[in-house]
């Protein structure tokens, strides 16, 4: 069903200086980013305003698929601001991503109507395949977010944030669905405690996992793992820490290996305002793209040349032009 065109709202300008100054008091003030990352004068725009949104994934045709979590739907937005319903109900879909063949892979979570599984949909035929639903005979907790390697391997996080359904697995882990269909546990305690967003570096050698250690003291951080040829993970280390602040929910990477993390809150301290935090491969904060709405949940590259960053936050799907090209398994620029 086609929806009416929605107004595009220009918002907050982002500068281009380095090194970044201390964060400003204004919730939407930017920590300036180098011009190699953002186009000078680039503005954050609202592309769609609907409901609580998550998991954007851009298609080669210019559309963006994203999850309307509270509405239990997957929606499809077009560049002109119109949108339609792709799947209703979605099985409480959250994170979405396209595999190298352009098929939509979805993490379906817990709570009312949730399927607690990972599925893959062929957009041409409509066929839905269940890729993962149980591990060692036990139902998954609530698949949350994912990323897909160039060889077809799928990494996904399986925490539990919502839902009163009984848990069958004792830990909240990261799993690997190998390209041959095998499901293996890739990371668990004590290396991670409550995994969320996931991203693979463009050289396919590092997996980044957003994790929250309960403490005390509580710590929100990004954990980096080395990826072996068989997809297994090793050498866990803290890549970046948000301390006790609101850490990364979902994330993306660009071709230079920079990490883009949806994090922070506009009701929190100035050093942890809502936005997309850009972190270098060395673990240094390059800057922050301010987002005016809470909560910032996820981001993904798409658009012409993969130089548009789409961000889900609150009831909005935002977008901003970048100087650098994003890196995804699909589509190719």
Protein backbone atom coordinates (compact mmCIF):
# COMPACT_ATOMS: atom_id res chain seq x y z
CA UNK A 1 0.00 0.00 0.00
CA UNK A 2 1.50 3.31 -1.08
CA UNK A 3 1.59 6.10 1.50
CA UNK A 4 1.55 9.84 0.85
CA UNK A 5 4.79 11.66 0.31
CA UNK A 6 6.32 12.95 3.52
CA UNK A 7 8.02 16.32 3.95
CA UNK A 8 11.80 16.31 4.06
CA UNK A 9 13.03 18.44 6.95
CA UNK A 10 16.48 20.01 6.80
CA UNK A 11 18.15 20.04 10.19
CA UNK A 12 21.47 20.56 11.86
CA UNK A 13 24.69 21.46 10.06
CA UNK A 14 27.87 19.55 10.78
CA UNK A 15 31.26 21.23 10.59
CA UNK A 16 34.57 19.81 9.39
CA UNK A 17 37.48 20.48 11.75
CA UNK A 18 40.09 18.28 13.42
CA UNK A 19 40.84 17.57 16.19
CA UNK A 20 37.30 17.80 17.65
CA UNK A 21 36.59 20.26 20.46
CA UNK A 22 34.86 19.18 23.68
CA UNK A 23 31.17 18.31 23.20
CA UNK A 24 28.84 21.30 23.39
CA UNK A 25 25.94 21.61 25.81
CA UNK A 26 23.36 21.72 23.03
CA UNK A 27 21.80 18.29 22.46
CA UNK A 28 22.17 18.67 18.73
CA UNK A 29 25.56 20.36 18.54
CA UNK A 30 28.07 18.31 16.56
CA UNK A 31 31.49 17.10 17.44
CA UNK A 32 32.94 18.23 14.07
CA UNK A 33 34.02 15.57 11.60
CA UNK A 34 36.75 15.72 8.94
CA UNK A 35 35.60 16.63 5.44
CA UNK A 36 36.87 13.21 4.35
CA UNK A 37 33.91 11.75 6.26
CA UNK A 38 31.10 14.29 5.78
CA UNK A 39 30.51 16.74 2.97
CA UNK A 40 31.02 20.31 4.23
CA UNK A 41 27.64 21.74 5.16
CA UNK A 42 25.93 18.35 5.03
CA UNK A 43 22.54 18.43 6.73
CA UNK A 44 20.64 15.75 8.57
CA UNK A 45 17.23 15.29 6.93
CA UNK A 46 14.14 13.42 8.03
CA UNK A 47 13.20 11.06 5.20
CA UNK A 48 10.23 9.30 6.86
CA UNK A 49 8.30 9.85 10.09
CA UNK A 50 6.26 6.87 11.27
CA UNK A 51 6.92 5.08 14.57
CA UNK A 52 9.72 3.50 16.61
CA UNK A 53 12.17 2.42 13.91
CA UNK A 54 15.17 0.07 13.71
CA UNK A 55 17.45 -1.83 11.39
CA UNK A 56 17.71 0.13 8.11
CA UNK A 57 19.00 -1.72 5.03
CA UNK A 58 19.41 -0.03 1.64
CA UNK A 59 18.57 -1.78 -1.64
CA UNK A 60 20.22 -1.20 -5.01
CA UNK A 61 17.01 0.37 -6.36
CA UNK A 62 17.36 3.28 -3.91
CA UNK A 63 14.74 2.08 -1.45
CA UNK A 64 15.42 1.55 2.25
CA UNK A 65 13.87 -1.27 4.25
CA UNK A 66 13.51 -0.77 7.99
CA UNK A 67 11.72 -2.29 10.95
CA UNK A 68 8.80 -0.61 12.68
CA UNK A 69 9.33 -2.46 15.94
CA UNK A 70 6.21 -1.42 17.86
CA UNK A 71 4.00 -1.94 14.82
CA UNK A 72 5.53 -5.37 14.13
CA UNK A 73 6.11 -4.49 10.46
CA UNK A 74 8.91 -4.13 7.93
CA UNK A 75 8.49 -0.96 5.88
CA UNK A 76 10.00 0.18 2.59
CA UNK A 77 10.83 3.85 2.00
CA UNK A 78 11.51 5.39 -1.41
CA UNK A 79 13.81 8.36 -2.14
CA UNK A 80 10.78 10.61 -2.78
CA UNK A 81 9.61 10.16 0.84
CA UNK A 82 6.76 7.75 0.11
CA UNK A 83 6.63 4.38 1.83
CA UNK A 84 4.82 1.07 1.80
CA UNK A 85 4.45 -2.01 3.99
CA UNK A 86 6.77 -4.85 2.99
CA UNK A 87 5.74 -7.37 5.67
CA UNK A 88 2.97 -7.36 8.27
CA UNK A 89 3.42 -8.98 10.73
CA UNK A 90 7.19 -9.12 10.70
CA UNK A 91 7.75 -11.54 13.58
CA UNK A 92 9.09 -8.58 15.61
CA UNK A 93 11.84 -7.92 13.08
CA UNK A 94 14.68 -5.73 14.27
CA UNK A 95 18.03 -5.69 12.44
CA UNK A 96 17.93 -6.09 8.65
CA UNK A 97 20.65 -6.59 6.06
CA UNK A 98 21.00 -7.65 2.43
CA UNK A 99 23.24 -10.59 1.56
CA UNK A 100 25.55 -10.53 -1.50
CA UNK A 101 22.68 -11.88 -3.65
CA UNK A 102 20.33 -9.05 -2.62
CA UNK A 103 18.16 -11.20 -0.34
CA UNK A 104 16.81 -9.58 2.83
CA UNK A 105 18.00 -11.18 6.06
CA UNK A 106 16.04 -10.27 9.20
CA UNK A 107 16.57 -10.77 12.91
CA UNK A 108 13.14 -11.55 14.34
CA UNK A 109 12.98 -10.95 18.08
CA UNK A 110 10.95 -11.81 21.15
CA UNK A 111 7.81 -10.22 22.67
CA UNK A 112 4.20 -10.58 21.49
CA UNK A 113 4.19 -11.85 17.92
CA UNK A 114 7.94 -12.45 17.92
CA UNK A 115 9.38 -15.46 16.13
CA UNK A 116 12.85 -15.51 17.77
CA UNK A 117 14.66 -16.52 14.60
CA UNK A 118 16.72 -15.31 11.64
CA UNK A 119 15.10 -15.44 8.19
CA UNK A 120 16.08 -14.72 4.61
CA UNK A 121 13.62 -13.45 2.00
CA UNK A 122 14.07 -13.61 -1.76
CA UNK A 123 12.58 -10.33 -2.97
CA UNK A 124 11.96 -11.75 -6.45
CA UNK A 125 9.99 -14.84 -5.39
CA UNK A 126 8.84 -13.87 -1.91
CA UNK A 127 10.22 -17.13 -0.53
CA UNK A 128 11.14 -16.97 3.17
CA UNK A 129 13.78 -19.32 4.58
CA UNK A 130 14.47 -19.86 8.29
CA UNK A 131 18.24 -19.71 8.74
CA UNK A 132 18.42 -20.03 12.54
CA UNK A 133 15.80 -20.64 15.22
CA UNK A 134 17.38 -22.95 17.80
CA UNK A 135 20.88 -23.65 19.07
CA UNK A 136 21.61 -27.08 20.52
CA UNK A 137 17.88 -27.71 20.63
CA UNK A 138 17.04 -24.51 22.54
CA UNK A 139 15.09 -21.57 21.14
CA UNK A 140 17.09 -18.40 20.54
CA UNK A 141 16.68 -15.50 23.00
CA UNK A 142 15.75 -12.65 20.65
CA UNK A 143 17.90 -12.13 17.54
CA UNK A 144 18.68 -8.42 17.47
CA UNK A 145 21.18 -7.26 14.86
CA UNK A 146 23.42 -8.70 12.17
CA UNK A 147 26.02 -8.15 9.50
CA UNK A 148 26.91 -10.25 6.48
CA UNK A 149 30.40 -11.01 5.17
CA UNK A 150 31.30 -11.00 1.50
CA UNK A 151 31.55 -14.80 1.59
CA UNK A 152 27.95 -15.06 2.80
CA UNK A 153 28.69 -15.75 6.48
CA UNK A 154 26.12 -14.10 8.77
CA UNK A 155 26.94 -12.88 12.28
CA UNK A 156 24.04 -11.99 14.57
CA UNK A 157 23.57 -10.98 18.20
CA UNK A 158 21.09 -12.77 20.46
CA UNK A 159 20.43 -10.75 23.63
CA UNK A 160 17.12 -10.38 25.45
CA UNK A 161 15.84 -6.85 26.06
CA UNK A 162 12.06 -7.29 25.93
CA UNK A 163 9.53 -10.10 26.02
CA UNK A 164 8.17 -12.24 28.84
CA UNK A 165 8.66 -15.52 26.99
CA UNK A 166 10.72 -18.06 28.90
CA UNK A 167 14.39 -18.06 28.00
CA UNK A 168 15.90 -21.39 27.04
CA UNK A 169 19.51 -20.28 26.60
CA UNK A 170 21.51 -19.26 29.66
CA UNK A 171 23.74 -16.70 27.94
CA UNK A 172 23.35 -13.86 25.44
CA UNK A 173 25.75 -14.56 22.62
CA UNK A 174 26.94 -13.81 19.10
CA UNK A 175 26.30 -16.54 16.53
CA UNK A 176 27.68 -17.33 13.10
CA UNK A 177 25.56 -18.81 10.33
CA UNK A 178 28.13 -20.13 7.91
CA UNK A 179 27.45 -19.90 4.19
CA UNK A 180 26.84 -23.68 4.20
CA UNK A 181 24.03 -23.23 6.75
CA UNK A 182 25.87 -24.41 9.87
CA UNK A 183 25.08 -22.46 13.06
CA UNK A 184 27.86 -22.02 15.63
CA UNK A 185 28.29 -19.92 18.75
CA UNK A 186 30.94 -17.34 17.85
CA UNK A 187 31.30 -15.33 21.08
CA UNK A 188 30.02 -15.66 24.63
CA UNK A 189 30.85 -14.69 28.23
CA UNK A 190 33.18 -13.36 29.51
CA UNK A 191 34.20 -11.80 26.19
CA UNK A 192 30.73 -10.30 25.80
CA UNK A 193 27.79 -9.98 28.19
CA UNK A 194 24.90 -8.39 26.29
CA UNK A 195 25.66 -8.00 22.57
CA UNK A 196 23.74 -5.66 20.32
CA UNK A 197 24.92 -4.05 17.07
CA UNK A 198 27.36 -5.88 14.79
CA UNK A 199 29.60 -4.75 11.94
CA UNK A 200 32.34 -6.34 9.84
CA UNK A 201 35.39 -4.33 8.75
CA UNK A 202 35.82 -3.81 4.99
CA UNK A 203 38.90 -6.06 4.91
CA UNK A 204 36.73 -8.81 6.48
CA UNK A 205 39.31 -9.36 9.23
CA UNK A 206 37.56 -7.73 12.21
CA UNK A 207 34.11 -8.10 13.75
CA UNK A 208 32.83 -5.25 15.91
CA UNK A 209 30.21 -6.00 18.56
CA UNK A 210 28.39 -3.41 20.68
CA UNK A 211 28.28 -4.84 24.20
CA UNK A 212 27.16 -3.80 27.66
CA UNK A 213 28.98 -5.19 30.69
CA UNK A 214 26.63 -5.05 33.71
CA UNK A 215 29.45 -4.31 36.15
CA UNK A 216 29.78 -2.83 38.62
CA UNK A 217 30.77 -0.56 37.15
CA UNK A 218 28.52 -0.80 34.12
CA UNK A 219 30.34 -0.26 30.84
CA UNK A 220 28.98 0.23 27.32
CA UNK A 221 31.69 -0.56 24.80
CA UNK A 222 32.58 -1.84 21.35
CA UNK A 223 34.46 -5.15 21.35
CA UNK A 224 36.66 -6.05 18.38
CA UNK A 225 37.40 -9.65 17.39
CA UNK A 226 39.76 -11.09 14.81
CA UNK A 227 37.97 -13.14 12.13
CA UNK A 228 39.70 -16.36 11.05
CA UNK A 229 39.37 -17.88 7.59
CA UNK A 230 36.70 -20.28 8.90
CA UNK A 231 34.71 -17.39 10.41
CA UNK A 232 35.62 -18.13 14.03
CA UNK A 233 36.48 -15.24 16.35
CA UNK A 234 39.50 -14.63 18.58
CA UNK A 235 41.50 -11.91 20.35
CA UNK A 236 38.63 -9.94 21.95
CA UNK A 237 39.58 -6.41 23.00
CA UNK A 238 37.83 -3.16 23.82
CA UNK A 239 37.85 -1.00 20.69
CA UNK A 240 36.00 1.97 22.21
CA UNK A 241 34.26 2.60 25.54
CA UNK A 242 31.29 4.83 26.37
CA UNK A 243 31.76 4.14 30.07
CA UNK A 244 28.44 4.28 31.90
CA UNK A 245 26.78 6.22 29.05
CA UNK A 246 24.36 4.93 26.42
CA UNK A 247 26.56 2.97 24.07
CA UNK A 248 26.07 1.83 20.51
CA UNK A 249 22.84 0.17 19.45
CA UNK A 250 23.42 -0.48 15.73
CA UNK A 251 26.36 0.41 13.50
CA UNK A 252 27.87 0.55 10.02
CA UNK A 253 31.32 0.91 8.43
CA UNK A 254 32.78 2.89 5.54
CA UNK A 255 35.42 1.83 3.00
CA UNK A 256 38.17 3.40 5.12
CA UNK A 257 37.23 1.17 8.05
CA UNK A 258 35.62 3.86 10.18
CA UNK A 259 32.82 2.66 12.44
CA UNK A 260 29.51 4.58 12.61
CA UNK A 261 27.62 3.87 15.84
CA UNK A 262 24.09 4.95 16.78
CA UNK A 263 24.49 5.92 20.42
CA UNK A 264 23.89 8.47 23.15
CA UNK A 265 20.83 10.29 24.43
CA UNK A 266 19.68 13.91 24.28
CA UNK A 267 18.58 13.65 27.91
CA UNK A 268 22.00 12.42 29.02
CA UNK A 269 25.23 14.25 29.83
CA UNK A 270 26.80 16.52 27.17
CA UNK A 271 29.56 14.02 26.43
CA UNK A 272 26.99 11.36 25.52
CA UNK A 273 24.45 13.23 23.37
CA UNK A 274 22.39 11.36 20.78
CA UNK A 275 24.01 10.89 17.42
CA UNK A 276 26.13 8.75 15.16
CA UNK A 277 29.59 8.42 16.70
CA UNK A 278 32.33 7.94 14.10
CA UNK A 279 35.25 5.87 15.40
CA UNK A 280 38.47 5.23 13.48
CA UNK A 281 40.00 1.76 12.92
CA UNK A 282 42.45 2.70 15.69
CA UNK A 283 39.61 3.20 18.16
CA UNK A 284 39.73 7.01 18.19
CA UNK A 285 36.58 9.14 18.17
CA UNK A 286 36.63 11.21 14.97
CA UNK A 287 33.41 13.05 15.75
CA UNK A 288 29.66 12.84 16.13
CA UNK A 289 26.77 13.45 13.75
CA UNK A 290 24.04 14.94 15.96
CA UNK A 291 20.57 13.44 15.74
CA UNK A 292 17.72 15.50 17.24
CA UNK A 293 15.49 12.61 18.28
CA UNK A 294 15.83 9.84 20.87
CA UNK A 295 16.53 7.03 20.81
CA UNK A 296 19.10 6.67 18.03
CA UNK A 297 18.92 2.98 17.17
CA UNK A 298 20.78 2.07 13.98
CA UNK A 299 22.39 3.24 10.74
CA UNK A 300 23.27 1.93 7.28
CA UNK A 301 24.85 3.20 4.08
CA UNK A 302 22.95 3.34 0.80
CA UNK A 303 21.95 5.71 -1.99
CA UNK A 304 24.02 6.71 -5.05
CA UNK A 305 27.60 5.56 -4.62
CA UNK A 306 26.80 4.38 -1.09
CA UNK A 307 27.34 7.96 0.10
CA UNK A 308 24.12 8.40 2.06
CA UNK A 309 23.98 7.37 5.70
CA UNK A 310 20.49 6.38 6.84
CA UNK A 311 19.78 6.61 10.56
CA UNK A 312 16.79 5.31 12.52
CA UNK A 313 15.90 7.29 15.64
CA UNK A 314 12.63 7.58 17.53
CA UNK A 315 9.87 7.92 14.95
CA UNK A 316 12.15 9.07 12.14
CA UNK A 317 14.30 7.69 9.36
CA UNK A 318 17.04 10.29 8.87
CA UNK A 319 19.63 10.59 6.10
CA UNK A 320 22.82 12.56 5.59
CA UNK A 321 25.27 12.83 2.69
CA UNK A 322 28.82 11.62 3.33
CA UNK A 323 32.10 12.25 1.53
CA UNK A 324 33.27 8.71 2.06
CA UNK A 325 31.67 5.61 0.59
CA UNK A 326 29.98 3.12 2.85
CA UNK A 327 30.88 -0.56 2.84
CA UNK A 328 28.21 -3.28 2.63
CA UNK A 329 27.97 -6.77 1.15
CA UNK A 330 25.11 -5.47 -1.03
CA UNK A 331 24.54 -3.35 -3.04
CA UNK A 332 27.77 -2.66 -4.86
CA UNK A 333 28.37 1.02 -5.70
